Amino acid sequence: MGREAPQQRRDHLFGLVRQMTGPGSQGESQSQGEIQAQAEVAYLCKIAELSRASYYRWREPKASLREDADLRDQIQKLSLQRRFEGYRRITQRLRNLGLVVNAKRVLRLMKDDNLLALRKKPFVPRTTDSRHPFPIAANLIKGLTPTGINQIWVADITYVRLGEAHVYLAVVLDAYSRKVVGWALKDYLDARLPLAALDMAIAERNPPPGLIHHSDRGLQYACAEYAARLARRQIQRSMSRPGNPYENAKAESFMKTLKSEEVDGRIYIDQDEARSQIGQFLEEVYNADRLHSALGYKSPVDFERALPTHVNPRPNLTAKLSPN
């Protein structure tokens, strides 16, 4: 017998298992009786060629068909609104709506309804040229964990395909809250691109002296103009070692999310449409709505809103920064 057995026969066998297992004999402690009952259940299920987990699920009170249908309806609405969110984030959104629901149950229902998140590997062209004569900054964030906002910013550049051309997107993220604090989209790849993103971040955050700005070793971040802009604001420069993307993991993780949830599968007509659509995603979806597991399933905006007014101005020398 197994999963293909008729339901009535399964119910009959499970009923026999329940009759033959029960509390331990008199004089045993409750824990001893439970251990003995569990062993007996395992033995009898093995003989009957039935799953022990299925037996325990059979014993639990069954959700009503109406309740299951209502939950499916909620899952479908959330999944269709957010095609790229997995079952964990959908579970959290259901809990935010006041529902008491198990993540495994959500996963099962999403599998049944073919609502699992859509993912595909993005095309990543070369946007970093580290062959240049400019000085390279040391990696200052190795071993650091931020304890508040405006302690560590991470920056990166990526490629965006248009209908018949391409543009480049530069971003600056706060490593503590994962919030995109600055971004710029242009059809050129020189220093003006990341400088525009940096200027937006500075204007929005007005960071205190001592902030660490971390990036790769690309020409755009190493050039004299970019270094001067950071120095003017007393921002410390930090750069990854060559061939080690994990040292800028938060920026890399963000770019992967951007490509899979917004850019991939789209064809923007021109630069203006790309700027409008990507800007809407960054501000209204990623910053304000998308749930981040590393933030306790909060959006960056909600996470920052809940922060205390006064925080430690310096990051801790603890574990390496998480890419999540």
Protein backbone atom coordinates (compact mmCIF):
# COMPACT_ATOMS: atom_id res chain seq x y z
CA MET A 1 0.00 0.00 0.00
CA GLY A 2 1.07 3.62 -0.29
CA ARG A 3 -0.07 6.97 -1.57
CA GLU A 4 -2.23 5.31 -4.26
CA ALA A 5 -4.35 3.39 -1.70
CA PRO A 6 -8.06 4.28 -1.64
CA GLN A 7 -8.90 6.92 0.95
CA GLN A 8 -11.39 4.68 2.75
CA ARG A 9 -8.80 1.94 3.24
CA ARG A 10 -6.28 4.50 4.47
CA ASP A 11 -8.81 5.87 6.95
CA HIS A 12 -9.55 2.33 8.13
CA LEU A 13 -5.88 1.50 8.69
CA PHE A 14 -5.23 4.82 10.42
CA GLY A 15 -8.20 4.10 12.68
CA LEU A 16 -6.71 0.72 13.62
CA VAL A 17 -3.37 2.39 14.40
CA ARG A 18 -5.10 4.87 16.68
CA GLN A 19 -6.99 2.06 18.48
CA MET A 20 -3.81 0.03 18.98
CA THR A 21 -1.76 2.93 20.27
CA GLY A 22 -2.58 4.96 23.29
CA PRO A 23 -1.28 6.05 26.68
CA GLY A 24 1.37 3.90 28.34
CA SER A 25 0.57 1.41 31.05
CA GLN A 26 -0.20 2.57 34.59
CA GLY A 27 2.80 3.68 36.57
CA GLU A 28 4.61 5.15 33.55
CA SER A 29 5.23 8.89 33.37
CA GLN A 30 3.44 10.86 30.67
CA SER A 31 6.65 11.33 28.70
CA GLN A 32 7.38 7.58 28.82
CA GLY A 33 3.89 6.84 27.56
CA GLU A 34 4.26 9.34 24.71
CA ILE A 35 7.60 7.86 23.68
CA GLN A 36 6.14 4.34 23.68
CA ALA A 37 3.09 5.48 21.68
CA GLN A 38 5.28 7.18 19.08
CA ALA A 39 7.35 4.00 18.70
CA GLU A 40 4.22 1.92 18.28
CA VAL A 41 2.84 4.32 15.67
CA ALA A 42 6.09 4.16 13.73
CA TYR A 43 6.09 0.34 13.84
CA LEU A 44 2.45 -0.06 12.79
CA CYS A 45 2.71 2.51 9.99
CA LYS A 46 5.78 0.71 8.67
CA ILE A 47 3.89 -2.60 8.60
CA ALA A 48 0.94 -0.97 6.82
CA GLU A 49 3.32 0.81 4.41
CA LEU A 50 1.84 4.15 5.32
CA SER A 51 3.53 7.44 6.11
CA ARG A 52 3.79 8.26 9.80
CA ALA A 53 3.52 11.97 8.95
CA SER A 54 0.31 11.24 7.02
CA TYR A 55 -1.07 9.50 10.09
CA TYR A 56 -0.44 12.49 12.34
CA ARG A 57 -1.96 14.81 9.74
CA TRP A 58 -4.98 12.49 9.60
CA ARG A 59 -5.43 12.83 13.36
CA GLU A 60 -5.39 16.63 13.26
CA PRO A 61 -8.65 18.56 12.89
CA LYS A 62 -9.28 19.18 9.19
CA ALA A 63 -9.75 22.70 7.93
CA SER A 64 -13.14 23.19 6.37
CA LEU A 65 -13.40 23.29 2.60
CA ARG A 66 -14.65 26.86 2.87
CA GLU A 67 -11.62 27.89 4.92
CA ASP A 68 -9.28 26.26 2.42
CA ALA A 69 -11.02 27.97 -0.47
CA ASP A 70 -10.79 31.36 1.25
CA LEU A 71 -7.07 30.86 1.85
CA ARG A 72 -6.50 29.85 -1.78
CA ASP A 73 -8.30 33.00 -2.87
CA GLN A 74 -6.06 35.20 -0.72
CA ILE A 75 -2.91 33.41 -1.93
CA GLN A 76 -3.92 33.79 -5.56
CA LYS A 77 -4.59 37.51 -5.16
CA LEU A 78 -1.22 38.12 -3.47
CA SER A 79 0.70 35.90 -5.89
CA LEU A 80 -0.77 37.51 -8.98
CA GLN A 81 0.01 40.97 -7.64
CA ARG A 82 3.60 39.97 -6.79
CA ARG A 83 4.71 37.35 -9.32
CA PHE A 84 8.22 37.07 -7.92
CA GLU A 85 7.50 36.59 -4.21
CA GLY A 86 8.00 33.08 -2.84
CA TYR A 87 5.88 31.20 -0.35
CA ARG A 88 7.69 32.60 2.71
CA ARG A 89 6.89 36.20 1.80
CA ILE A 90 3.34 35.29 0.81
CA THR A 91 2.96 33.55 4.19
CA GLN A 92 4.12 36.71 5.96
CA ARG A 93 1.71 38.86 3.97
CA LEU A 94 -1.13 36.53 4.95
CA ARG A 95 -0.07 36.87 8.59
CA ASN A 96 0.01 40.64 8.18
CA LEU A 97 -3.65 40.33 7.13
CA GLY A 98 -4.39 38.61 10.44
CA LEU A 99 -4.49 35.02 9.19
CA VAL A 100 -2.93 32.21 11.23
CA VAL A 101 -1.27 30.11 8.58
CA ASN A 102 1.62 27.66 8.27
CA ALA A 103 4.31 28.25 5.61
CA LYS A 104 4.23 24.59 4.55
CA ARG A 105 0.51 24.79 3.91
CA VAL A 106 1.00 27.92 1.80
CA LEU A 107 3.76 26.19 -0.16
CA ARG A 108 1.52 23.18 -0.81
CA LEU A 109 -1.37 25.34 -2.02
CA MET A 110 0.90 27.44 -4.22
CA LYS A 111 2.32 24.26 -5.78
CA ASP A 112 -1.18 22.92 -6.37
CA ASP A 113 -2.23 26.16 -8.07
CA ASN A 114 1.06 26.63 -9.97
CA LEU A 115 1.73 29.95 -8.23
CA LEU A 116 5.38 29.53 -7.30
CA ALA A 117 7.57 32.58 -7.84
CA LEU A 118 8.97 33.14 -11.32
CA ARG A 119 12.76 33.20 -11.55
CA LYS A 120 15.23 33.08 -14.37
CA LYS A 121 18.95 33.69 -14.63
CA PRO A 122 19.61 37.23 -15.89
CA PHE A 123 22.13 38.19 -18.52
CA VAL A 124 24.93 40.18 -16.85
CA PRO A 125 27.28 42.00 -19.20
CA ARG A 126 30.57 43.55 -18.09
CA THR A 127 30.10 46.95 -16.42
CA THR A 128 33.28 47.06 -14.33
CA ASP A 129 36.68 48.06 -15.71
CA SER A 130 39.32 47.84 -12.96
CA ARG A 131 42.23 48.40 -15.37
CA HIS A 132 42.97 52.05 -14.64
CA PRO A 133 45.73 54.18 -13.05
CA PHE A 134 43.66 55.53 -10.13
CA PRO A 135 44.37 54.56 -6.50
CA ILE A 136 42.44 51.61 -5.05
CA ALA A 137 40.92 51.98 -1.59
CA ALA A 138 41.25 49.27 1.05
CA ASN A 139 38.29 47.10 2.00
CA LEU A 140 37.02 48.78 5.17
CA ILE A 141 33.84 46.75 5.65
CA LYS A 142 35.41 43.31 6.03
CA GLY A 143 34.23 41.93 9.37
CA LEU A 144 31.85 44.85 9.97
CA THR A 145 28.13 44.66 10.69
CA PRO A 146 26.20 47.94 10.57
CA THR A 147 24.15 48.79 13.65
CA GLY A 148 22.20 51.66 12.13
CA ILE A 149 21.50 53.58 8.96
CA ASN A 150 24.09 55.83 7.29
CA GLN A 151 27.02 53.79 8.55
CA ILE A 152 27.75 51.78 5.39
CA TRP A 153 26.53 52.48 1.88
CA VAL A 154 27.10 50.01 -0.97
CA ALA A 155 27.12 51.03 -4.63
CA ASP A 156 27.01 49.22 -7.96
CA ILE A 157 26.22 49.62 -11.67
CA THR A 158 24.24 47.35 -13.98
CA TYR A 159 23.06 47.15 -17.58
CA VAL A 160 19.45 47.58 -18.74
CA ARG A 161 18.28 46.52 -22.20
CA LEU A 162 16.04 48.77 -24.26
CA GLY A 163 14.21 47.88 -27.43
CA GLU A 164 17.10 48.75 -29.75
CA ALA A 165 19.81 50.01 -27.39
CA HIS A 166 20.92 49.84 -23.76
CA VAL A 167 21.37 52.11 -20.73
CA TYR A 168 23.10 51.84 -17.38
CA LEU A 169 21.72 52.04 -13.85
CA ALA A 170 23.78 53.10 -10.83
CA VAL A 171 22.43 52.59 -7.31
CA VAL A 172 23.44 53.37 -3.73
CA LEU A 173 21.94 51.27 -0.91
CA ASP A 174 22.07 51.61 2.84
CA ALA A 175 23.66 48.36 4.02
CA TYR A 176 21.63 48.35 7.26
CA SER A 177 18.09 48.88 5.95
CA ARG A 178 18.65 47.72 2.33
CA LYS A 179 16.90 50.89 1.19
CA VAL A 180 17.84 52.36 -2.18
CA VAL A 181 18.90 55.87 -1.18
CA GLY A 182 20.20 57.01 -4.57
CA TRP A 183 19.94 55.92 -8.19
CA ALA A 184 20.53 57.22 -11.69
CA LEU A 185 19.84 55.84 -15.19
CA LYS A 186 21.83 57.14 -18.16
CA ASP A 187 22.98 56.06 -21.61
CA TYR A 188 26.67 56.48 -20.70
CA LEU A 189 28.98 54.66 -18.32
CA ASP A 190 31.43 57.32 -17.18
CA ALA A 191 31.75 58.84 -13.71
CA ARG A 192 28.76 61.15 -14.19
CA LEU A 193 26.44 58.13 -13.82
CA PRO A 194 27.40 56.98 -10.28
CA LEU A 195 27.97 60.61 -9.24
CA ALA A 196 24.31 61.36 -10.01
CA ALA A 197 23.24 58.42 -7.82
CA LEU A 198 25.63 59.52 -5.07
CA ASP A 199 24.36 63.11 -5.17
CA MET A 200 20.78 61.85 -4.80
CA ALA A 201 21.76 59.74 -1.79
CA ILE A 202 23.59 62.62 -0.13
CA ALA A 203 20.68 64.99 -0.73
CA GLU A 204 18.18 62.52 0.75
CA ARG A 205 20.19 61.30 3.74
CA ASN A 206 22.68 64.10 4.61
CA PRO A 207 24.99 61.46 6.14
CA PRO A 208 27.31 62.24 9.07
CA PRO A 209 31.10 62.25 8.63
CA GLY A 210 32.67 58.81 8.79
CA LEU A 211 30.14 56.99 6.61
CA ILE A 212 31.78 54.15 4.64
CA HIS A 213 31.05 54.00 0.90
CA HIS A 214 31.80 50.53 -0.50
CA SER A 215 31.98 49.59 -4.18
CA ASP A 216 33.92 47.49 -6.66
CA ARG A 217 37.21 48.73 -8.13
CA GLY A 218 35.66 50.08 -11.32
CA LEU A 219 36.99 53.17 -13.04
CA GLN A 220 33.83 55.13 -12.24
CA TYR A 221 34.30 54.71 -8.47
CA ALA A 222 38.10 55.01 -8.42
CA CYS A 223 38.41 58.16 -10.52
CA ALA A 224 39.54 61.45 -9.03
CA GLU A 225 36.17 63.19 -9.44
CA TYR A 226 34.29 60.53 -7.49
CA ALA A 227 36.96 60.35 -4.79
CA ALA A 228 36.83 64.14 -4.40
CA ARG A 229 33.05 64.13 -3.98
CA LEU A 230 33.33 61.56 -1.18
CA ALA A 231 36.19 63.41 0.50
CA ARG A 232 34.23 66.66 0.42
CA ARG A 233 31.53 64.99 2.55
CA GLN A 234 34.09 63.18 4.77
CA ILE A 235 32.87 59.82 3.47
CA GLN A 236 35.38 56.97 3.66
CA ARG A 237 36.09 54.99 0.50
CA SER A 238 36.11 51.18 0.59
CA MET A 239 36.55 48.74 -2.31
CA SER A 240 36.25 45.00 -2.84
CA ARG A 241 39.21 42.85 -3.64
CA PRO A 242 39.52 41.84 -7.32
CA GLY A 243 37.43 38.85 -8.34
CA ASN A 244 35.54 38.72 -5.05
CA PRO A 245 31.89 39.76 -5.57
CA TYR A 246 30.92 38.48 -2.11
CA GLU A 247 32.57 41.53 -0.58
CA ASN A 248 29.84 43.64 -2.17
CA ALA A 249 27.17 41.02 -1.60
CA LYS A 250 24.32 43.36 -0.66
CA ALA A 251 24.67 45.34 -3.89
CA GLU A 252 24.99 42.13 -5.92
CA SER A 253 21.91 40.69 -4.23
CA PHE A 254 19.93 43.84 -4.96
CA MET A 255 20.89 43.77 -8.64
CA LYS A 256 19.76 40.15 -8.86
CA THR A 257 16.39 41.10 -7.34
CA LEU A 258 16.02 44.08 -9.68
CA LYS A 259 16.73 41.97 -12.76
CA SER A 260 14.48 39.06 -11.79
CA GLU A 261 11.53 41.10 -10.49
CA GLU A 262 11.54 44.10 -12.83
CA VAL A 263 13.98 44.20 -15.73
CA ASP A 264 14.08 40.65 -17.10
CA GLY A 265 11.20 39.87 -19.41
CA ARG A 266 10.54 43.55 -20.16
CA ILE A 267 11.43 45.55 -23.26
CA TYR A 268 11.49 49.26 -22.49
CA ILE A 269 10.72 51.41 -25.52
CA ASP A 270 13.27 54.08 -24.66
CA GLN A 271 15.33 55.58 -21.86
CA ASP A 272 12.43 57.64 -20.50
CA GLU A 273 10.19 54.60 -20.14
CA ALA A 274 12.98 52.62 -18.50
CA ARG A 275 13.63 55.44 -16.04
CA SER A 276 9.93 55.76 -15.22
CA GLN A 277 9.27 52.03 -14.77
CA ILE A 278 12.48 51.26 -12.88
CA GLY A 279 12.06 54.34 -10.70
CA GLN A 280 8.55 53.22 -9.82
CA PHE A 281 9.85 49.76 -8.92
CA LEU A 282 12.64 51.16 -6.73
CA GLU A 283 10.52 53.67 -4.83
CA GLU A 284 7.08 52.05 -4.67
CA VAL A 285 7.89 48.33 -4.71
CA TYR A 286 11.41 47.62 -3.50
CA ASN A 287 11.68 50.38 -0.87
CA ALA A 288 8.08 50.69 0.24
CA ASP A 289 6.38 47.33 -0.31
CA ARG A 290 8.76 44.38 -0.86
CA LEU A 291 9.27 42.27 2.26
CA HIS A 292 12.91 41.51 3.14
CA SER A 293 13.64 38.39 5.16
CA ALA A 294 16.72 40.00 6.72
CA LEU A 295 14.53 42.86 7.99
CA GLY A 296 12.06 40.58 9.75
CA TYR A 297 9.84 40.55 6.67
CA LYS A 298 9.44 44.33 6.58
CA SER A 299 10.01 46.72 3.72
CA PRO A 300 13.01 49.07 4.05
CA VAL A 301 10.69 52.02 4.58
CA ASP A 302 8.77 50.29 7.39
CA PHE A 303 12.02 48.97 8.89
CA GLU A 304 13.55 52.46 9.06
CA ARG A 305 10.33 53.93 10.40
CA ALA A 306 10.50 51.53 13.37
CA LEU A 307 14.13 52.32 14.22
CA PRO A 308 14.99 54.20 17.44
CA THR A 309 15.98 57.83 17.00
CA HIS A 310 19.47 57.36 18.44
CA VAL A 311 21.70 54.53 17.23
CA ASN A 312 25.35 53.61 17.51
CA PRO A 313 27.14 55.79 14.93
CA ARG A 314 29.76 53.11 14.25
CA PRO A 315 29.32 49.59 12.86
CA ASN A 316 30.35 46.63 15.00
CA LEU A 317 33.36 44.46 14.32
CA THR A 318 31.39 41.22 14.14
CA ALA A 319 30.30 38.82 11.41
CA LYS A 320 30.57 39.59 7.72
CA LEU A 321 27.76 41.47 6.05
CA SER A 322 24.87 39.29 4.96
CA PRO A 323 23.75 39.42 1.32
CA ASN A 324 20.07 38.92 2.27
